[in-house]
Structures are given as C-alpha cells and as structure tokens.
C-alpha atoms as a PDB file:
ATOM      1  CA  MET A   1     118.592 278.096  68.615  1.00  0.00           C
ATOM      2  CA  ALA A   2     118.105 277.551  72.322  1.00  0.00           C
ATOM      3  CA  VAL A   3     121.881 276.770  72.644  1.00  0.00           C
ATOM      4  CA  ALA A   4     122.848 280.096  71.210  1.00  0.00           C
ATOM      5  CA  VAL A   5     120.545 281.956  73.488  1.00  0.00           C
ATOM      6  CA  GLY A   6     121.892 279.990  76.451  1.00  0.00           C
ATOM      7  CA  VAL A   7     125.485 280.847  75.488  1.00  0.00           C
ATOM      8  CA  ALA A   8     124.742 284.513  75.075  1.00  0.00           C
ATOM      9  CA  SER A   9     122.995 284.797  78.414  1.00  0.00           C
ATOM     10  CA  ALA A  10     125.968 283.096  80.163  1.00  0.00           C
ATOM     11  CA  MET A  11     128.481 285.753  78.916  1.00  0.00           C
ATOM     12  CA  PRO A  12     129.067 288.284  81.553  1.00  0.00           C
ATOM     13  CA  CYS A  13     128.030 291.897  80.923  1.00  0.00           C
ATOM     14  CA  ALA A  14     130.602 294.505  80.642  1.00  0.00           C
ATOM     15  CA  THR A  15     131.151 296.662  83.731  1.00  0.00           C
ATOM     16  CA  LEU A  16     130.794 300.513  83.685  1.00  0.00           C
ATOM     17  CA  TYR A  17     134.525 300.705  84.076  1.00  0.00           C
ATOM     18  CA  GLU A  18     135.089 298.598  80.883  1.00  0.00           C
ATOM     19  CA  TRP A  19     132.731 300.747  79.000  1.00  0.00           C
ATOM     20  CA  LEU A  20     134.494 303.908  80.175  1.00  0.00           C
ATOM     21  CA  LEU A  21     137.867 302.332  79.203  1.00  0.00           C
ATOM     22  CA  LEU A  22     136.625 301.744  75.756  1.00  0.00           C
ATOM     23  CA  LEU A  23     135.379 305.277  75.393  1.00  0.00           C
ATOM     24  CA  HIS A  24     138.694 306.499  76.803  1.00  0.00           C
ATOM     25  CA  ILE A  25     140.728 304.512  74.321  1.00  0.00           C
ATOM     26  CA  LEU A  26     138.499 305.466  71.374  1.00  0.00           C
ATOM     27  CA  GLY A  27     138.735 309.161  72.319  1.00  0.00           C
ATOM     28  CA  ALA A  28     142.529 308.905  72.593  1.00  0.00           C
ATOM     29  CA  SER A  29     142.793 307.019  69.205  1.00  0.00           C
ATOM     30  CA  VAL A  30     140.721 309.720  67.445  1.00  0.00           C
ATOM     31  CA  TRP A  31     142.614 312.599  69.136  1.00  0.00           C
ATOM     32  CA  LEU A  32     146.141 311.162  68.540  1.00  0.00           C
ATOM     33  CA  GLY A  33     145.375 309.559  65.199  1.00  0.00           C
ATOM     34  CA  GLY A  34     143.818 312.828  63.969  1.00  0.00           C
ATOM     35  CA  LEU A  35     146.838 314.844  65.041  1.00  0.00           C
ATOM     36  CA  VAL A  36     149.279 312.410  63.318  1.00  0.00           C
ATOM     37  CA  ALA A  37     147.220 312.473  60.109  1.00  0.00           C
ATOM     38  CA  LEU A  38     147.123 316.376  60.318  1.00  0.00           C
ATOM     39  CA  LEU A  39     150.827 316.356  61.003  1.00  0.00           C
ATOM     40  CA  ALA A  40     151.628 314.176  57.899  1.00  0.00           C
ATOM     41  CA  LEU A  41     149.246 316.179  55.643  1.00  0.00           C
ATOM     42  CA  ALA A  42     150.628 319.542  56.793  1.00  0.00           C
ATOM     43  CA  ALA A  43     154.211 318.375  56.148  1.00  0.00           C
ATOM     44  CA  ARG A  44     153.220 317.112  52.728  1.00  0.00           C
ATOM     45  CA  VAL A  45     151.498 320.356  51.780  1.00  0.00           C
ATOM     46  CA  LEU A  46     154.568 322.444  52.897  1.00  0.00           C
ATOM     47  CA  ARG A  47     156.954 320.278  50.998  1.00  0.00           C
ATOM     48  CA  SER A  48     154.854 320.492  47.859  1.00  0.00           C
ATOM     49  CA  GLY A  49     155.081 324.287  47.882  1.00  0.00           C
ATOM     50  CA  ASP A  50     151.492 324.419  46.552  1.00  0.00           C
ATOM     51  CA  ARG A  51     150.092 327.878  47.579  1.00  0.00           C
ATOM     52  CA  ASP A  52     146.503 326.636  46.943  1.00  0.00           C
ATOM     53  CA  GLY A  53     147.185 323.511  48.922  1.00  0.00           C
ATOM     54  CA  VAL A  54     148.377 325.487  51.928  1.00  0.00           C
ATOM     55  CA  ALA A  55     145.339 327.707  51.622  1.00  0.00           C
ATOM     56  CA  ARG A  56     142.989 324.715  51.554  1.00  0.00           C
ATOM     57  CA  PHE A  57     144.697 323.090  54.456  1.00  0.00           C
ATOM     58  CA  VAL A  58     144.577 326.021  56.571  1.00  0.00           C
ATOM     59  CA  GLY A  59     140.989 326.472  55.819  1.00  0.00           C
ATOM     60  CA  SER A  60     140.084 323.042  56.904  1.00  0.00           C
ATOM     61  CA  LEU A  61     141.544 323.565  60.350  1.00  0.00           C
ATOM     62  CA  ARG A  62     138.621 325.517  61.578  1.00  0.00           C
ATOM     63  CA  PHE A  63     136.449 322.405  60.823  1.00  0.00           C
ATOM     64  CA  VAL A  64     138.727 319.585  61.979  1.00  0.00           C
ATOM     65  CA  GLY A  65     139.616 320.987  65.300  1.00  0.00           C
ATOM     66  CA  PRO A  66     136.209 321.729  66.663  1.00  0.00           C
ATOM     67  CA  VAL A  67     134.404 318.677  65.032  1.00  0.00           C
ATOM     68  CA  ALA A  68     136.901 315.894  65.788  1.00  0.00           C
ATOM     69  CA  LEU A  69     139.879 316.865  67.911  1.00  0.00           C
ATOM     70  CA  ALA A  70     138.318 318.864  70.641  1.00  0.00           C
ATOM     71  CA  PRO A  71     135.485 316.472  71.331  1.00  0.00           C
ATOM     72  CA  SER A  72     137.872 313.592  71.359  1.00  0.00           C
ATOM     73  CA  ALA A  73     140.176 315.484  73.808  1.00  0.00           C
ATOM     74  CA  ALA A  74     137.224 316.288  76.024  1.00  0.00           C
ATOM     75  CA  LEU A  75     136.013 312.667  75.972  1.00  0.00           C
ATOM     76  CA  VAL A  76     139.505 311.505  77.092  1.00  0.00           C
ATOM     77  CA  LEU A  77     139.568 313.972  79.986  1.00  0.00           C
ATOM     78  CA  ILE A  78     135.971 313.360  81.197  1.00  0.00           C
ATOM     79  CA  VAL A  79     135.999 309.668  80.898  1.00  0.00           C
ATOM     80  CA  GLY A  80     139.508 309.339  82.416  1.00  0.00           C
ATOM     81  CA  ILE A  81     138.274 311.302  85.452  1.00  0.00           C
ATOM     82  CA  TRP A  82     135.228 309.220  85.680  1.00  0.00           C
ATOM     83  CA  MET A  83     137.260 305.952  85.538  1.00  0.00           C
ATOM     84  CA  VAL A  84     139.342 307.218  88.453  1.00  0.00           C
ATOM     85  CA  LEU A  85     136.182 307.875  90.449  1.00  0.00           C
ATOM     86  CA  ASP A  86     134.670 304.694  89.448  1.00  0.00           C
ATOM     87  CA  GLU A  87     137.494 302.298  90.141  1.00  0.00           C
ATOM     88  CA  THR A  88     138.555 301.836  93.847  1.00  0.00           C
ATOM     89  CA  ALA A  89     142.159 300.931  92.858  1.00  0.00           C
ATOM     90  CA  TRP A  90     142.782 304.302  91.311  1.00  0.00           C
ATOM     91  CA  GLU A  91     143.291 307.568  93.142  1.00  0.00           C
ATOM     92  CA  PHE A  92     144.181 311.134  92.006  1.00  0.00           C
ATOM     93  CA  GLY A  93     147.246 311.082  94.200  1.00  0.00           C
ATOM     94  CA  GLN A  94     148.779 308.179  92.187  1.00  0.00           C
ATOM     95  CA  THR A  95     151.786 309.198  90.097  1.00  0.00           C
ATOM     96  CA  TRP A  96     150.552 307.922  86.760  1.00  0.00           C
ATOM     97  CA  ILE A  97     147.274 309.689  87.184  1.00  0.00           C
ATOM     98  CA  TRP A  98     148.671 313.225  88.094  1.00  0.00           C
ATOM     99  CA  LEU A  99     151.200 312.710  85.390  1.00  0.00           C
ATOM    100  CA  ALA A 100     148.430 312.046  82.830  1.00  0.00           C
ATOM    101  CA  LEU A 101     146.622 315.208  84.018  1.00  0.00           C
ATOM    102  CA  VAL A 102     149.773 317.267  83.757  1.00  0.00           C
ATOM    103  CA  VAL A 103     150.497 315.995  80.284  1.00  0.00           C
ATOM    104  CA  PHE A 104     146.834 316.593  79.299  1.00  0.00           C
ATOM    105  CA  ALA A 105     147.075 320.204  80.671  1.00  0.00           C
ATOM    106  CA  ALA A 106     150.337 320.799  78.798  1.00  0.00           C
ATOM    107  CA  ALA A 107     148.745 319.409  75.487  1.00  0.00           C
ATOM    108  CA  PHE A 108     145.705 321.673  76.150  1.00  0.00           C
ATOM    109  CA  VAL A 109     147.863 324.716  76.782  1.00  0.00           C
ATOM    110  CA  VAL A 110     149.966 324.229  73.597  1.00  0.00           C
ATOM    111  CA  GLY A 111     146.770 323.657  71.542  1.00  0.00           C
ATOM    112  CA  ALA A 112     144.751 326.454  72.940  1.00  0.00           C
ATOM    113  CA  VAL A 113     147.662 329.159  72.960  1.00  0.00           C
ATOM    114  CA  PHE A 114     150.216 328.117  70.381  1.00  0.00           C
ATOM    115  CA  LEU A 115     148.268 326.149  67.799  1.00  0.00           C
ATOM    116  CA  SER A 116     145.305 328.572  67.788  1.00  0.00           C
ATOM    117  CA  ARG A 117     147.502 331.598  67.272  1.00  0.00           C
ATOM    118  CA  ALA A 118     149.537 329.895  64.526  1.00  0.00           C
ATOM    119  CA  ALA A 119     146.332 328.693  62.764  1.00  0.00           C
ATOM    120  CA  ILE A 120     144.723 332.169  62.985  1.00  0.00           C
ATOM    121  CA  GLY A 121     148.038 333.827  61.680  1.00  0.00           C
ATOM    122  CA  ALA A 122     148.076 331.340  58.827  1.00  0.00           C
ATOM    123  CA  GLU A 123     144.353 331.951  58.032  1.00  0.00           C
ATOM    124  CA  ARG A 124     144.967 335.729  57.987  1.00  0.00           C
ATOM    125  CA  ALA A 125     148.034 335.482  55.785  1.00  0.00           C
ATOM    126  CA  VAL A 126     145.998 333.352  53.362  1.00  0.00           C
ATOM    127  CA  ALA A 127     143.289 335.984  53.286  1.00  0.00           C
ATOM    128  CA  ALA A 128     145.838 338.752  52.757  1.00  0.00           C
ATOM    129  CA  GLY A 129     147.490 336.696  49.944  1.00  0.00           C
ATOM    130  CA  ASP A 130     150.771 336.468  51.776  1.00  0.00           C
ATOM    131  CA  ASP A 131     151.789 333.013  50.797  1.00  0.00           C
ATOM    132  CA  ALA A 132     155.215 333.047  52.544  1.00  0.00           C
ATOM    133  CA  GLN A 133     153.718 334.165  55.785  1.00  0.00           C
ATOM    134  CA  ALA A 134     150.991 331.463  55.510  1.00  0.00           C
ATOM    135  CA  ALA A 135     153.533 328.875  54.917  1.00  0.00           C
ATOM    136  CA  LEU A 136     155.650 330.165  57.925  1.00  0.00           C
ATOM    137  CA  MET A 137     152.654 330.105  60.241  1.00  0.00           C
ATOM    138  CA  LEU A 138     151.804 326.600  59.098  1.00  0.00           C
ATOM    139  CA  ARG A 139     155.349 325.522  59.836  1.00  0.00           C
ATOM    140  CA  HIS A 140     154.917 326.988  63.322  1.00  0.00           C
ATOM    141  CA  TRP A 141     151.644 325.123  63.634  1.00  0.00           C
ATOM    142  CA  LEU A 142     153.290 321.979  62.520  1.00  0.00           C
ATOM    143  CA  TRP A 143     155.802 322.373  65.419  1.00  0.00           C
ATOM    144  CA  GLY A 144     152.943 322.695  67.891  1.00  0.00           C
ATOM    145  CA  ILE A 145     151.268 319.620  66.493  1.00  0.00           C
ATOM    146  CA  GLY A 146     154.474 317.700  66.836  1.00  0.00           C
ATOM    147  CA  THR A 147     154.781 318.842  70.443  1.00  0.00           C
ATOM    148  CA  ILE A 148     151.177 317.608  71.267  1.00  0.00           C
ATOM    149  CA  VAL A 149     151.794 314.301  69.533  1.00  0.00           C
ATOM    150  CA  ALA A 150     155.045 313.865  71.648  1.00  0.00           C
ATOM    151  CA  LEU A 151     153.092 314.739  74.811  1.00  0.00           C
ATOM    152  CA  LEU A 152     150.212 312.392  73.909  1.00  0.00           C
ATOM    153  CA  THR A 153     152.766 309.750  73.318  1.00  0.00           C
ATOM    154  CA  VAL A 154     154.053 310.280  76.883  1.00  0.00           C
ATOM    155  CA  ALA A 155     150.440 310.007  78.067  1.00  0.00           C
ATOM    156  CA  MET A 156     150.013 306.682  76.284  1.00  0.00           C
ATOM    157  CA  TRP A 157     153.175 305.408  77.818  1.00  0.00           C
ATOM    158  CA  ASP A 158     151.952 306.635  81.199  1.00  0.00           C
ATOM    159  CA  MET A 159     148.550 304.824  80.700  1.00  0.00           C
ATOM    160  CA  VAL A 160     150.189 301.556  79.753  1.00  0.00           C
ATOM    161  CA  PHE A 161     153.012 301.386  82.301  1.00  0.00           C
ATOM    162  CA  LYS A 162     151.464 303.250  85.133  1.00  0.00           C
ATOM    163  CA  PRO A 163     154.546 304.591  86.873  1.00  0.00           C
ATOM    164  CA  GLY A 164     154.466 304.601  90.621  1.00  0.00           C
ATOM    165  CA  ILE A 165     152.386 301.359  90.953  1.00  0.00           C
END
C-alpha cells in the first residue's frame, strides 16, 4: 500500500495548459463529431423520403444546437484563447492562431446566418405541412453543415501542423 501511495505522489501534476488543452480537444470533438453525426442523419432522412422523419429531425435541431453544439463551440473558443494567454510560446500574431480564429469566425457566421435561416425555414415548412419545402430547406441546411465540417477540418489541420512555426 505504501508503494502505491509513493508512486502516485511521484507523478507530476498536470499543468493548467494541459487541462486547457484537454478541454479544448473535448470541445472540438463534441462540436465536430456532433456535426458529422447530424450530417449523416440528415442525409439518411432526406434519402429515405420519410416526411415524418424529416419533421422529427427538423424538430430536434432546436434542442441539439443549443444543448450540445453551441456550448462546445464556445468552449473551443474560450479555452483556445485562454491557452494562448497562458502559454508564452503562443501569440495572437502567429499564423496558425489567427488562421484558427478566422476559420472559427467563418464557421460561426455560416452557423448563425445560413444554418439558422435554413432550420427556421424547414421548421416553418413542417408546421405548414409543406413537405417539399421542408426537404428543400433541410437540404440547404445540410450544405451549411457540410461547409462547417470542412471549415472545422481545416481548423484541425491548423491545430496539428501549426503553419508559420
């Protein structure tokens, strides 16, 4: 028993930066993984031609976005900025950091402007019983999600390879 305690106490504690990095990666995983899952589900629902499936999927968007996607995106941004402030090797003027912020801003704008409009349009079409319009708006929404997934893939590349360093 004494050996186990001695081994545990000899292990170094994680730094603040390491905890921030963990939170940053977890947030990015939830955000990107959630978007990929939604992309796959939306594509499946649209291919099925199931009107009720489209309506259920569209109805779930008001829940999934605010509960999972928005908090994970906010976590990525807040913790990412905190990491730059905490780590002396990083500066906001570095190419990979400003590229990450530009890509984040682009993903945010696509989500806030394009996706929200497409989702609201799909929701209204479902409420009006216009199945064709609901499917069309969901297809538009799907293109927006695909765009954000592509942008976040660029962000992941940027985080790994850190261009400019």
